[in-house]
PDB file of N, CA and C in Angstrom:
ATOM      1  N   MET A   1     125.273  15.182 170.163  1.00  0.00           N
ATOM      2  CA  MET A   1     124.611  14.902 168.900  1.00  0.00           C
ATOM      3  C   MET A   1     123.112  15.180 169.023  1.00  0.00           C
ATOM      4  N   ARG A   2     122.536  14.849 170.162  1.00  0.00           N
ATOM      5  CA  ARG A   2     121.086  15.029 170.337  1.00  0.00           C
ATOM      6  C   ARG A   2     120.688  16.497 170.278  1.00  0.00           C
ATOM      7  N   THR A   3     121.595  17.399 170.682  1.00  0.00           N
ATOM      8  CA  THR A   3     121.276  18.827 170.674  1.00  0.00           C
ATOM      9  C   THR A   3     121.675  19.507 169.371  1.00  0.00           C
ATOM     10  N   GLY A   4     122.358  18.780 168.497  1.00  0.00           N
ATOM     11  CA  GLY A   4     122.773  19.358 167.222  1.00  0.00           C
ATOM     12  C   GLY A   4     124.166  19.953 167.240  1.00  0.00           C
ATOM     13  N   LEU A   5     124.873  19.884 168.371  1.00  0.00           N
ATOM     14  CA  LEU A   5     126.209  20.458 168.462  1.00  0.00           C
ATOM     15  C   LEU A   5     127.304  19.505 167.997  1.00  0.00           C
ATOM     16  N   ALA A   6     126.981  18.238 167.818  1.00  0.00           N
ATOM     17  CA  ALA A   6     127.936  17.246 167.323  1.00  0.00           C
ATOM     18  C   ALA A   6     127.221  16.382 166.282  1.00  0.00           C
ATOM     19  N   PRO A   7     126.976  16.949 165.104  1.00  0.00           N
ATOM     20  CA  PRO A   7     126.126  16.264 164.123  1.00  0.00           C
ATOM     21  C   PRO A   7     126.836  15.303 163.173  1.00  0.00           C
ATOM     22  N   GLN A   8     128.068  14.916 163.465  1.00  0.00           N
ATOM     23  CA  GLN A   8     128.819  14.112 162.498  1.00  0.00           C
ATOM     24  C   GLN A   8     128.096  12.824 162.101  1.00  0.00           C
ATOM     25  N   LEU A   9     127.608  12.070 163.065  1.00  0.00           N
ATOM     26  CA  LEU A   9     126.970  10.791 162.727  1.00  0.00           C
ATOM     27  C   LEU A   9     125.668  10.988 161.963  1.00  0.00           C
ATOM     28  N   THR A  10     124.864  11.971 162.366  1.00  0.00           N
ATOM     29  CA  THR A  10     123.609  12.188 161.647  1.00  0.00           C
ATOM     30  C   THR A  10     123.872  12.765 160.258  1.00  0.00           C
ATOM     31  N   LEU A  11     124.952  13.530 160.095  1.00  0.00           N
ATOM     32  CA  LEU A  11     125.296  14.001 158.746  1.00  0.00           C
ATOM     33  C   LEU A  11     125.790  12.843 157.877  1.00  0.00           C
ATOM     34  N   GLU A  12     126.506  11.899 158.464  1.00  0.00           N
ATOM     35  CA  GLU A  12     126.894  10.707 157.693  1.00  0.00           C
ATOM     36  C   GLU A  12     125.657   9.931 157.264  1.00  0.00           C
ATOM     37  N   ALA A  13     124.667   9.862 158.130  1.00  0.00           N
ATOM     38  CA  ALA A  13     123.410   9.196 157.771  1.00  0.00           C
ATOM     39  C   ALA A  13     122.728   9.944 156.626  1.00  0.00           C
ATOM     40  N   ALA A  14     122.791  11.278 156.647  1.00  0.00           N
ATOM     41  CA  ALA A  14     122.200  12.076 155.568  1.00  0.00           C
ATOM     42  C   ALA A  14     122.933  11.832 154.253  1.00  0.00           C
ATOM     43  N   ILE A  15     124.266  11.738 154.318  1.00  0.00           N
ATOM     44  CA  ILE A  15     125.057  11.444 153.114  1.00  0.00           C
ATOM     45  C   ILE A  15     124.643  10.099 152.539  1.00  0.00           C
ATOM     46  N   LEU A  16     124.466   9.116 153.415  1.00  0.00           N
ATOM     47  CA  LEU A  16     124.034   7.797 152.964  1.00  0.00           C
ATOM     48  C   LEU A  16     122.663   7.895 152.299  1.00  0.00           C
ATOM     49  N   ARG A  17     121.733   8.614 152.927  1.00  0.00           N
ATOM     50  CA  ARG A  17     120.368   8.725 152.383  1.00  0.00           C
ATOM     51  C   ARG A  17     120.347   9.424 151.026  1.00  0.00           C
ATOM     52  N   LYS A  18     121.325  10.291 150.777  1.00  0.00           N
ATOM     53  CA  LYS A  18     121.384  11.025 149.504  1.00  0.00           C
ATOM     54  C   LYS A  18     122.211  10.304 148.448  1.00  0.00           C
ATOM     55  N   GLY A  19     122.692   9.108 148.757  1.00  0.00           N
ATOM     56  CA  GLY A  19     123.452   8.338 147.767  1.00  0.00           C
ATOM     57  C   GLY A  19     124.915   8.671 147.731  1.00  0.00           C
ATOM     58  N   GLY A  20     125.459   9.179 148.826  1.00  0.00           N
ATOM     59  CA  GLY A  20     126.854   9.600 148.872  1.00  0.00           C
ATOM     60  C   GLY A  20     127.863   8.490 149.082  1.00  0.00           C
ATOM     61  N   PHE A  21     127.410   7.270 149.280  1.00  0.00           N
ATOM     62  CA  PHE A  21     128.321   6.140 149.432  1.00  0.00           C
ATOM     63  C   PHE A  21     128.166   5.209 148.234  1.00  0.00           C
ATOM     64  N   ARG A  22     129.302   4.822 147.676  1.00  0.00           N
ATOM     65  CA  ARG A  22     129.303   3.941 146.514  1.00  0.00           C
ATOM     66  C   ARG A  22     128.528   2.661 146.822  1.00  0.00           C
ATOM     67  N   ASP A  23     127.785   2.194 145.869  1.00  0.00           N
ATOM     68  CA  ASP A  23     127.020   0.944 145.946  1.00  0.00           C
ATOM     69  C   ASP A  23     125.820   0.993 146.899  1.00  0.00           C
ATOM     70  N   ILE A  24     125.485   2.179 147.385  1.00  0.00           N
ATOM     71  CA  ILE A  24     124.277   2.331 148.199  1.00  0.00           C
ATOM     72  C   ILE A  24     123.406   3.380 147.511  1.00  0.00           C
ATOM     73  N   ALA A  25     122.243   2.960 147.061  1.00  0.00           N
ATOM     74  CA  ALA A  25     121.368   3.849 146.302  1.00  0.00           C
ATOM     75  C   ALA A  25     120.803   4.957 147.183  1.00  0.00           C
ATOM     76  N   ALA A  26     120.581   6.122 146.574  1.00  0.00           N
ATOM     77  CA  ALA A  26     119.948   7.243 147.273  1.00  0.00           C
ATOM     78  C   ALA A  26     118.541   6.853 147.701  1.00  0.00           C
ATOM     79  N   GLY A  27     118.073   7.473 148.766  1.00  0.00           N
ATOM     80  CA  GLY A  27     116.717   7.237 149.233  1.00  0.00           C
ATOM     81  C   GLY A  27     116.598   6.122 150.246  1.00  0.00           C
ATOM     82  N   GLY A  28     117.721   5.554 150.642  1.00  0.00           N
ATOM     83  CA  GLY A  28     117.682   4.475 151.624  1.00  0.00           C
ATOM     84  C   GLY A  28     117.300   4.978 153.001  1.00  0.00           C
ATOM     85  N   SER A  29     117.038   4.047 153.856  1.00  0.00           N
ATOM     86  CA  SER A  29     116.658   4.357 155.227  1.00  0.00           C
ATOM     87  C   SER A  29     117.761   3.894 156.167  1.00  0.00           C
ATOM     88  N   VAL A  30     117.954   4.659 157.229  1.00  0.00           N
ATOM     89  CA  VAL A  30     118.974   4.331 158.226  1.00  0.00           C
ATOM     90  C   VAL A  30     118.275   3.656 159.399  1.00  0.00           C
ATOM     91  N   ALA A  31     118.669   2.434 159.685  1.00  0.00           N
ATOM     92  CA  ALA A  31     118.024   1.670 160.760  1.00  0.00           C
ATOM     93  C   ALA A  31     118.508   2.106 162.134  1.00  0.00           C
ATOM     94  N   GLU A  32     119.796   2.496 162.222  1.00  0.00           N
ATOM     95  CA  GLU A  32     120.358   2.790 163.535  1.00  0.00           C
ATOM     96  C   GLU A  32     121.561   3.701 163.385  1.00  0.00           C
ATOM     97  N   VAL A  33     121.747   4.590 164.333  1.00  0.00           N
ATOM     98  CA  VAL A  33     122.947   5.419 164.435  1.00  0.00           C
ATOM     99  C   VAL A  33     123.622   5.002 165.733  1.00  0.00           C
ATOM    100  N   ALA A  34     124.920   4.715 165.663  1.00  0.00           N
ATOM    101  CA  ALA A  34     125.604   4.214 166.858  1.00  0.00           C
ATOM    102  C   ALA A  34     127.059   4.660 166.867  1.00  0.00           C
ATOM    103  N   TYR A  35     127.584   4.790 168.073  1.00  0.00           N
ATOM    104  CA  TYR A  35     129.013   4.969 168.258  1.00  0.00           C
ATOM    105  C   TYR A  35     129.617   3.579 168.339  1.00  0.00           C
ATOM    106  N   VAL A  36     130.732   3.370 167.635  1.00  0.00           N
ATOM    107  CA  VAL A  36     131.406   2.079 167.683  1.00  0.00           C
ATOM    108  C   VAL A  36     132.828   2.326 168.173  1.00  0.00           C
ATOM    109  N   THR A  37     133.171   1.679 169.261  1.00  0.00           N
ATOM    110  CA  THR A  37     134.517   1.779 169.817  1.00  0.00           C
ATOM    111  C   THR A  37     135.290   0.552 169.369  1.00  0.00           C
ATOM    112  N   LEU A  38     136.360   0.775 168.637  1.00  0.00           N
ATOM    113  CA  LEU A  38     137.195  -0.320 168.143  1.00  0.00           C
ATOM    114  C   LEU A  38     138.482  -0.348 168.935  1.00  0.00           C
ATOM    115  N   LYS A  39     138.829  -1.530 169.440  1.00  0.00           N
ATOM    116  CA  LYS A  39     140.056  -1.677 170.212  1.00  0.00           C
ATOM    117  C   LYS A  39     140.487  -3.133 170.168  1.00  0.00           C
ATOM    118  N   GLY A  40     141.692  -3.366 170.552  1.00  0.00           N
ATOM    119  CA  GLY A  40     142.183  -4.734 170.598  1.00  0.00           C
ATOM    120  C   GLY A  40     141.604  -5.458 171.802  1.00  0.00           C
ATOM    121  N   GLY A  41     141.827  -6.718 171.867  1.00  0.00           N
ATOM    122  CA  GLY A  41     141.355  -7.497 173.004  1.00  0.00           C
ATOM    123  C   GLY A  41     139.965  -8.051 172.777  1.00  0.00           C
ATOM    124  N   ARG A  42     139.372  -8.539 173.838  1.00  0.00           N
ATOM    125  CA  ARG A  42     138.036  -9.130 173.755  1.00  0.00           C
ATOM    126  C   ARG A  42     137.119  -8.434 174.715  1.00  0.00           C
ATOM    127  N   PRO A  43     136.008  -7.947 174.322  1.00  0.00           N
ATOM    128  CA  PRO A  43     135.554  -7.932 172.936  1.00  0.00           C
ATOM    129  C   PRO A  43     136.373  -6.931 172.127  1.00  0.00           C
ATOM    130  N   ALA A  44     136.423  -7.153 170.828  1.00  0.00           N
ATOM    131  CA  ALA A  44     137.227  -6.307 169.946  1.00  0.00           C
ATOM    132  C   ALA A  44     136.623  -4.920 169.781  1.00  0.00           C
ATOM    133  N   GLY A  45     135.348  -4.792 169.979  1.00  0.00           N
ATOM    134  CA  GLY A  45     134.700  -3.506 169.808  1.00  0.00           C
ATOM    135  C   GLY A  45     133.396  -3.440 170.561  1.00  0.00           C
ATOM    136  N   ASP A  46     132.933  -2.231 170.771  1.00  0.00           N
ATOM    137  CA  ASP A  46     131.669  -1.989 171.466  1.00  0.00           C
ATOM    138  C   ASP A  46     130.764  -1.152 170.583  1.00  0.00           C
ATOM    139  N   CYS A  47     129.507  -1.505 170.512  1.00  0.00           N
ATOM    140  CA  CYS A  47     128.526  -0.746 169.741  1.00  0.00           C
ATOM    141  C   CYS A  47     127.560  -0.104 170.726  1.00  0.00           C
ATOM    142  N   ASP A  48     127.442   1.223 170.659  1.00  0.00           N
ATOM    143  CA  ASP A  48     126.575   1.972 171.563  1.00  0.00           C
ATOM    144  C   ASP A  48     125.535   2.726 170.734  1.00  0.00           C
ATOM    145  N   PRO A  49     124.365   2.129 170.500  1.00  0.00           N
ATOM    146  CA  PRO A  49     123.320   2.773 169.694  1.00  0.00           C
ATOM    147  C   PRO A  49     122.822   4.065 170.351  1.00  0.00           C
ATOM    148  N   ILE A  50     122.488   5.038 169.528  1.00  0.00           N
ATOM    149  CA  ILE A  50     121.953   6.309 170.003  1.00  0.00           C
ATOM    150  C   ILE A  50     120.443   6.168 170.113  1.00  0.00           C
ATOM    151  N   ALA A  51     119.902   6.455 171.281  1.00  0.00           N
ATOM    152  CA  ALA A  51     118.449   6.434 171.485  1.00  0.00           C
ATOM    153  C   ALA A  51     117.950   7.872 171.388  1.00  0.00           C
ATOM    154  N   PHE A  52     117.403   8.223 170.246  1.00  0.00           N
ATOM    155  CA  PHE A  52     116.891   9.578 170.051  1.00  0.00           C
ATOM    156  C   PHE A  52     115.625   9.774 170.875  1.00  0.00           C
ATOM    157  N   THR A  53     115.503  10.945 171.494  1.00  0.00           N
ATOM    158  CA  THR A  53     114.290  11.222 172.275  1.00  0.00           C
ATOM    159  C   THR A  53     113.123  11.583 171.368  1.00  0.00           C
ATOM    160  N   GLU A  54     113.438  12.054 170.163  1.00  0.00           N
ATOM    161  CA  GLU A  54     112.405  12.401 169.182  1.00  0.00           C
ATOM    162  C   GLU A  54     112.804  11.850 167.819  1.00  0.00           C
ATOM    163  N   GLY A  55     111.832  11.447 167.061  1.00  0.00           N
ATOM    164  CA  GLY A  55     112.058  11.053 165.677  1.00  0.00           C
ATOM    165  C   GLY A  55     112.800   9.745 165.505  1.00  0.00           C
ATOM    166  N   THR A  56     113.225   9.545 164.269  1.00  0.00           N
ATOM    167  CA  THR A  56     113.918   8.328 163.857  1.00  0.00           C
ATOM    168  C   THR A  56     115.316   8.698 163.370  1.00  0.00           C
ATOM    169  N   PRO A  57     116.174   7.718 163.141  1.00  0.00           N
ATOM    170  CA  PRO A  57     117.473   8.048 162.544  1.00  0.00           C
ATOM    171  C   PRO A  57     117.320   8.809 161.216  1.00  0.00           C
ATOM    172  N   ASP A  58     116.325   8.434 160.408  1.00  0.00           N
ATOM    173  CA  ASP A  58     116.096   9.144 159.139  1.00  0.00           C
ATOM    174  C   ASP A  58     115.722  10.603 159.370  1.00  0.00           C
ATOM    175  N   SER A  59     114.798  10.848 160.287  1.00  0.00           N
ATOM    176  CA  SER A  59     114.361  12.239 160.517  1.00  0.00           C
ATOM    177  C   SER A  59     115.487  13.051 161.146  1.00  0.00           C
ATOM    178  N   GLN A  60     116.303  12.424 161.985  1.00  0.00           N
ATOM    179  CA  GLN A  60     117.437  13.133 162.576  1.00  0.00           C
ATOM    180  C   GLN A  60     118.495  13.449 161.515  1.00  0.00           C
ATOM    181  N   ALA A  61     118.696  12.533 160.565  1.00  0.00           N
ATOM    182  CA  ALA A  61     119.629  12.778 159.463  1.00  0.00           C
ATOM    183  C   ALA A  61     119.130  13.936 158.608  1.00  0.00           C
ATOM    184  N   ASP A  62     117.845  13.949 158.304  1.00  0.00           N
ATOM    185  CA  ASP A  62     117.267  15.028 157.504  1.00  0.00           C
ATOM    186  C   ASP A  62     117.378  16.360 158.237  1.00  0.00           C
ATOM    187  N   ARG A  63     117.171  16.335 159.553  1.00  0.00           N
ATOM    188  CA  ARG A  63     117.274  17.558 160.367  1.00  0.00           C
ATOM    189  C   ARG A  63     118.707  18.090 160.354  1.00  0.00           C
ATOM    190  N   ALA A  64     119.679  17.212 160.518  1.00  0.00           N
ATOM    191  CA  ALA A  64     121.084  17.630 160.517  1.00  0.00           C
ATOM    192  C   ALA A  64     121.473  18.240 159.172  1.00  0.00           C
ATOM    193  N   LEU A  65     121.022  17.643 158.076  1.00  0.00           N
ATOM    194  CA  LEU A  65     121.322  18.167 156.752  1.00  0.00           C
ATOM    195  C   LEU A  65     120.657  19.532 156.545  1.00  0.00           C
ATOM    196  N   ALA A  66     119.425  19.686 157.007  1.00  0.00           N
ATOM    197  CA  ALA A  66     118.726  20.969 156.885  1.00  0.00           C
ATOM    198  C   ALA A  66     119.456  22.057 157.669  1.00  0.00           C
ATOM    199  N   LYS A  67     119.931  21.734 158.873  1.00  0.00           N
ATOM    200  CA  LYS A  67     120.651  22.713 159.685  1.00  0.00           C
ATOM    201  C   LYS A  67     121.986  23.087 159.042  1.00  0.00           C
ATOM    202  N   LEU A  68     122.688  22.112 158.461  1.00  0.00           N
ATOM    203  CA  LEU A  68     123.942  22.401 157.778  1.00  0.00           C
ATOM    204  C   LEU A  68     123.693  23.281 156.558  1.00  0.00           C
ATOM    205  N   SER A  69     122.654  22.977 155.799  1.00  0.00           N
ATOM    206  CA  SER A  69     122.318  23.778 154.616  1.00  0.00           C
ATOM    207  C   SER A  69     121.972  25.206 155.012  1.00  0.00           C
ATOM    208  N   GLU A  70     121.220  25.353 156.088  1.00  0.00           N
ATOM    209  CA  GLU A  70     120.852  26.681 156.591  1.00  0.00           C
ATOM    210  C   GLU A  70     122.097  27.464 157.001  1.00  0.00           C
ATOM    211  N   LEU A  71     123.021  26.797 157.678  1.00  0.00           N
ATOM    212  CA  LEU A  71     124.262  27.450 158.090  1.00  0.00           C
ATOM    213  C   LEU A  71     125.085  27.876 156.874  1.00  0.00           C
ATOM    214  N   ALA A  72     125.210  26.991 155.892  1.00  0.00           N
ATOM    215  CA  ALA A  72     125.985  27.316 154.688  1.00  0.00           C
ATOM    216  C   ALA A  72     125.385  28.499 153.946  1.00  0.00           C
ATOM    217  N   LEU A  73     124.060  28.585 153.884  1.00  0.00           N
ATOM    218  CA  LEU A  73     123.398  29.697 153.195  1.00  0.00           C
ATOM    219  C   LEU A  73     123.645  31.035 153.873  1.00  0.00           C
ATOM    220  N   ARG A  74     123.869  31.025 155.186  1.00  0.00           N
ATOM    221  CA  ARG A  74     124.148  32.286 155.890  1.00  0.00           C
ATOM    222  C   ARG A  74     125.412  32.936 155.363  1.00  0.00           C
ATOM    223  N   PHE A  75     126.368  32.134 154.929  1.00  0.00           N
ATOM    224  CA  PHE A  75     127.643  32.683 154.512  1.00  0.00           C
ATOM    225  C   PHE A  75     127.676  33.077 153.037  1.00  0.00           C
ATOM    226  N   VAL A  76     126.550  32.968 152.348  1.00  0.00           N
ATOM    227  CA  VAL A  76     126.452  33.494 150.987  1.00  0.00           C
ATOM    228  C   VAL A  76     126.518  35.021 151.038  1.00  0.00           C
ATOM    229  N   ASP A  77     125.974  35.589 152.116  1.00  0.00           N
ATOM    230  CA  ASP A  77     126.001  37.041 152.335  1.00  0.00           C
ATOM    231  C   ASP A  77     127.391  37.421 152.833  1.00  0.00           C
ATOM    232  N   GLU A  78     128.140  38.207 152.041  1.00  0.00           N
ATOM    233  CA  GLU A  78     129.509  38.528 152.434  1.00  0.00           C
ATOM    234  C   GLU A  78     129.611  39.356 153.692  1.00  0.00           C
ATOM    235  N   SER A  79     128.518  39.930 154.154  1.00  0.00           N
ATOM    236  CA  SER A  79     128.572  40.697 155.397  1.00  0.00           C
ATOM    237  C   SER A  79     128.414  39.811 156.635  1.00  0.00           C
ATOM    238  N   THR A  80     128.192  38.512 156.441  1.00  0.00           N
ATOM    239  CA  THR A  80     128.063  37.598 157.576  1.00  0.00           C
ATOM    240  C   THR A  80     129.441  37.365 158.176  1.00  0.00           C
ATOM    241  N   PRO A  81     129.612  37.662 159.462  1.00  0.00           N
ATOM    242  CA  PRO A  81     130.928  37.470 160.090  1.00  0.00           C
ATOM    243  C   PRO A  81     131.194  36.004 160.426  1.00  0.00           C
ATOM    244  N   TYR A  82     132.439  35.662 160.446  1.00  0.00           N
ATOM    245  CA  TYR A  82     132.872  34.341 160.902  1.00  0.00           C
ATOM    246  C   TYR A  82     133.341  34.518 162.339  1.00  0.00           C
ATOM    247  N   PHE A  83     132.535  34.078 163.294  1.00  0.00           N
ATOM    248  CA  PHE A  83     132.868  34.250 164.695  1.00  0.00           C
ATOM    249  C   PHE A  83     133.916  33.245 165.144  1.00  0.00           C
ATOM    250  N   SER A  84     134.823  33.723 165.966  1.00  0.00           N
ATOM    251  CA  SER A  84     135.871  32.861 166.490  1.00  0.00           C
ATOM    252  C   SER A  84     135.293  31.841 167.465  1.00  0.00           C
ATOM    253  N   LEU A  85     134.425  32.294 168.356  1.00  0.00           N
ATOM    254  CA  LEU A  85     133.770  31.387 169.296  1.00  0.00           C
ATOM    255  C   LEU A  85     132.316  31.247 168.872  1.00  0.00           C
ATOM    256  N   VAL A  86     131.994  30.129 168.267  1.00  0.00           N
ATOM    257  CA  VAL A  86     130.650  29.905 167.767  1.00  0.00           C
ATOM    258  C   VAL A  86     129.669  29.691 168.910  1.00  0.00           C
ATOM    259  N   HIS A  87     130.128  29.067 169.992  1.00  0.00           N
ATOM    260  CA  HIS A  87     129.270  28.786 171.148  1.00  0.00           C
ATOM    261  C   HIS A  87     129.849  29.485 172.373  1.00  0.00           C
ATOM    262  N   PRO A  88     129.604  30.792 172.519  1.00  0.00           N
ATOM    263  CA  PRO A  88     130.227  31.539 173.608  1.00  0.00           C
ATOM    264  C   PRO A  88     129.811  31.072 174.999  1.00  0.00           C
ATOM    265  N   MET A  89     128.782  30.221 175.088  1.00  0.00           N
ATOM    266  CA  MET A  89     128.397  29.703 176.401  1.00  0.00           C
ATOM    267  C   MET A  89     129.518  28.844 176.988  1.00  0.00           C
ATOM    268  N   TRP A  90     130.431  28.414 176.126  1.00  0.00           N
ATOM    269  CA  TRP A  90     131.589  27.648 176.588  1.00  0.00           C
ATOM    270  C   TRP A  90     132.842  28.497 176.490  1.00  0.00           C
ATOM    271  N   LYS A  91     132.751  29.746 176.936  1.00  0.00           N
ATOM    272  CA  LYS A  91     133.871  30.661 176.760  1.00  0.00           C
ATOM    273  C   LYS A  91     135.120  30.244 177.531  1.00  0.00           C
ATOM    274  N   THR A  92     134.974  29.334 178.497  1.00  0.00           N
ATOM    275  CA  THR A  92     136.157  28.855 179.204  1.00  0.00           C
ATOM    276  C   THR A  92     136.780  27.655 178.501  1.00  0.00           C
ATOM    277  N   HIS A  93     136.093  27.106 177.499  1.00  0.00           N
ATOM    278  CA  HIS A  93     136.617  25.965 176.741  1.00  0.00           C
ATOM    279  C   HIS A  93     137.119  26.496 175.399  1.00  0.00           C
ATOM    280  N   TYR A  94     138.383  26.297 175.126  1.00  0.00           N
ATOM    281  CA  TYR A  94     138.952  26.798 173.890  1.00  0.00           C
ATOM    282  C   TYR A  94     139.200  25.656 172.930  1.00  0.00           C
ATOM    283  N   GLY A  95     138.946  25.919 171.663  1.00  0.00           N
ATOM    284  CA  GLY A  95     139.153  24.926 170.630  1.00  0.00           C
ATOM    285  C   GLY A  95     140.602  24.874 170.195  1.00  0.00           C
ATOM    286  N   GLU A  96     140.889  23.950 169.317  1.00  0.00           N
ATOM    287  CA  GLU A  96     142.245  23.691 168.870  1.00  0.00           C
ATOM    288  C   GLU A  96     142.881  24.894 168.160  1.00  0.00           C
ATOM    289  N   TYR A  97     142.060  25.729 167.508  1.00  0.00           N
ATOM    290  CA  TYR A  97     142.605  26.839 166.725  1.00  0.00           C
ATOM    291  C   TYR A  97     142.313  28.201 167.332  1.00  0.00           C
ATOM    292  N   ASP A  98     141.694  28.251 168.502  1.00  0.00           N
ATOM    293  CA  ASP A  98     141.326  29.532 169.093  1.00  0.00           C
ATOM    294  C   ASP A  98     142.535  30.416 169.383  1.00  0.00           C
ATOM    295  N   HIS A  99     143.693  29.810 169.639  1.00  0.00           N
ATOM    296  CA  HIS A  99     144.883  30.621 169.899  1.00  0.00           C
ATOM    297  C   HIS A  99     145.245  31.477 168.681  1.00  0.00           C
ATOM    298  N   LEU A 100     144.912  31.025 167.495  1.00  0.00           N
ATOM    299  CA  LEU A 100     145.209  31.795 166.282  1.00  0.00           C
ATOM    300  C   LEU A 100     144.349  33.055 166.200  1.00  0.00           C
ATOM    301  N   ALA A 101     143.169  33.008 166.790  1.00  0.00           N
ATOM    302  CA  ALA A 101     142.262  34.159 166.778  1.00  0.00           C
ATOM    303  C   ALA A 101     142.504  35.069 167.979  1.00  0.00           C
ATOM    304  N   ARG A 102     143.435  34.705 168.830  1.00  0.00           N
ATOM    305  CA  ARG A 102     143.770  35.487 170.021  1.00  0.00           C
ATOM    306  C   ARG A 102     142.551  35.685 170.915  1.00  0.00           C
ATOM    307  N   VAL A 103     141.751  34.630 171.029  1.00  0.00           N
ATOM    308  CA  VAL A 103     140.509  34.678 171.801  1.00  0.00           C
ATOM    309  C   VAL A 103     140.761  35.105 173.238  1.00  0.00           C
ATOM    310  N   ARG A 104     141.765  34.544 173.870  1.00  0.00           N
ATOM    311  CA  ARG A 104     142.021  34.888 175.276  1.00  0.00           C
ATOM    312  C   ARG A 104     142.368  36.364 175.433  1.00  0.00           C
ATOM    313  N   GLU A 105     143.187  36.901 174.536  1.00  0.00           N
ATOM    314  CA  GLU A 105     143.548  38.311 174.633  1.00  0.00           C
ATOM    315  C   GLU A 105     142.331  39.211 174.441  1.00  0.00           C
ATOM    316  N   TRP A 106     141.511  38.914 173.446  1.00  0.00           N
ATOM    317  CA  TRP A 106     140.341  39.727 173.175  1.00  0.00           C
ATOM    318  C   TRP A 106     139.334  39.614 174.312  1.00  0.00           C
ATOM    319  N   SER A 107     139.207  38.433 174.874  1.00  0.00           N
ATOM    320  CA  SER A 107     138.275  38.239 175.983  1.00  0.00           C
ATOM    321  C   SER A 107     138.712  39.049 177.198  1.00  0.00           C
ATOM    322  N   ALA A 108     140.006  39.119 177.428  1.00  0.00           N
ATOM    323  CA  ALA A 108     140.529  39.846 178.585  1.00  0.00           C
ATOM    324  C   ALA A 108     140.321  41.349 178.454  1.00  0.00           C
ATOM    325  N   THR A 109     140.335  41.861 177.218  1.00  0.00           N
ATOM    326  CA  THR A 109     140.191  43.306 177.017  1.00  0.00           C
ATOM    327  C   THR A 109     138.750  43.719 176.801  1.00  0.00           C
ATOM    328  N   GLY A 110     137.855  42.768 176.636  1.00  0.00           N
ATOM    329  CA  GLY A 110     136.456  43.105 176.416  1.00  0.00           C
ATOM    330  C   GLY A 110     136.095  43.259 174.949  1.00  0.00           C
ATOM    331  N   GLY A 111     137.048  43.035 174.036  1.00  0.00           N
ATOM    332  CA  GLY A 111     136.737  43.120 172.618  1.00  0.00           C
ATOM    333  C   GLY A 111     137.746  43.941 171.859  1.00  0.00           C
ATOM    334  N   VAL A 112     137.369  44.347 170.672  1.00  0.00           N
ATOM    335  CA  VAL A 112     138.251  45.088 169.785  1.00  0.00           C
ATOM    336  C   VAL A 112     137.855  46.555 169.816  1.00  0.00           C
ATOM    337  N   ASP A 113     138.857  47.410 169.891  1.00  0.00           N
ATOM    338  CA  ASP A 113     138.616  48.842 169.790  1.00  0.00           C
ATOM    339  C   ASP A 113     138.632  49.188 168.312  1.00  0.00           C
ATOM    340  N   GLU A 114     137.483  49.605 167.781  1.00  0.00           N
ATOM    341  CA  GLU A 114     137.355  49.874 166.348  1.00  0.00           C
ATOM    342  C   GLU A 114     138.334  50.930 165.864  1.00  0.00           C
ATOM    343  N   ASP A 115     138.769  51.867 166.749  1.00  0.00           N
ATOM    344  CA  ASP A 115     139.714  52.921 166.347  1.00  0.00           C
ATOM    345  C   ASP A 115     141.114  52.377 166.106  1.00  0.00           C
ATOM    346  N   VAL A 116     141.415  51.208 166.682  1.00  0.00           N
ATOM    347  CA  VAL A 116     142.744  50.637 166.554  1.00  0.00           C
ATOM    348  C   VAL A 116     142.909  49.866 165.262  1.00  0.00           C
ATOM    349  N   ILE A 117     141.818  49.338 164.718  1.00  0.00           N
ATOM    350  CA  ILE A 117     141.890  48.536 163.494  1.00  0.00           C
ATOM    351  C   ILE A 117     142.164  49.439 162.296  1.00  0.00           C
ATOM    352  N   GLU A 118     143.180  49.083 161.538  1.00  0.00           N
ATOM    353  CA  GLU A 118     143.519  49.886 160.353  1.00  0.00           C
ATOM    354  C   GLU A 118     142.915  49.303 159.122  1.00  0.00           C
TER     355      GLU A 118
END
């Protein structure tokens, strides 16, 4: 989350700040972002607050929303490709749907031969 690769919690904070939750007015401030582990037993749950190295929960929420908006705008241009592996630095880690894109086969051959595509 701190690097922007797992922005779910900060995007939820942005939704809250924009009034996306019923009965919570837009423009509110987020006091804390935390992971909460819920389980049976005692204690019933654990709260693990995120200690941001820079900024506040509000500024991190605004940053996450700005990055999402920037990403969405890239795809307005129909020539923008949808890459199968968004983070190729983890080329040995495959996502849940990578098998549908035949990532392993393409990786083994070095890519697509443009003459073969019809």
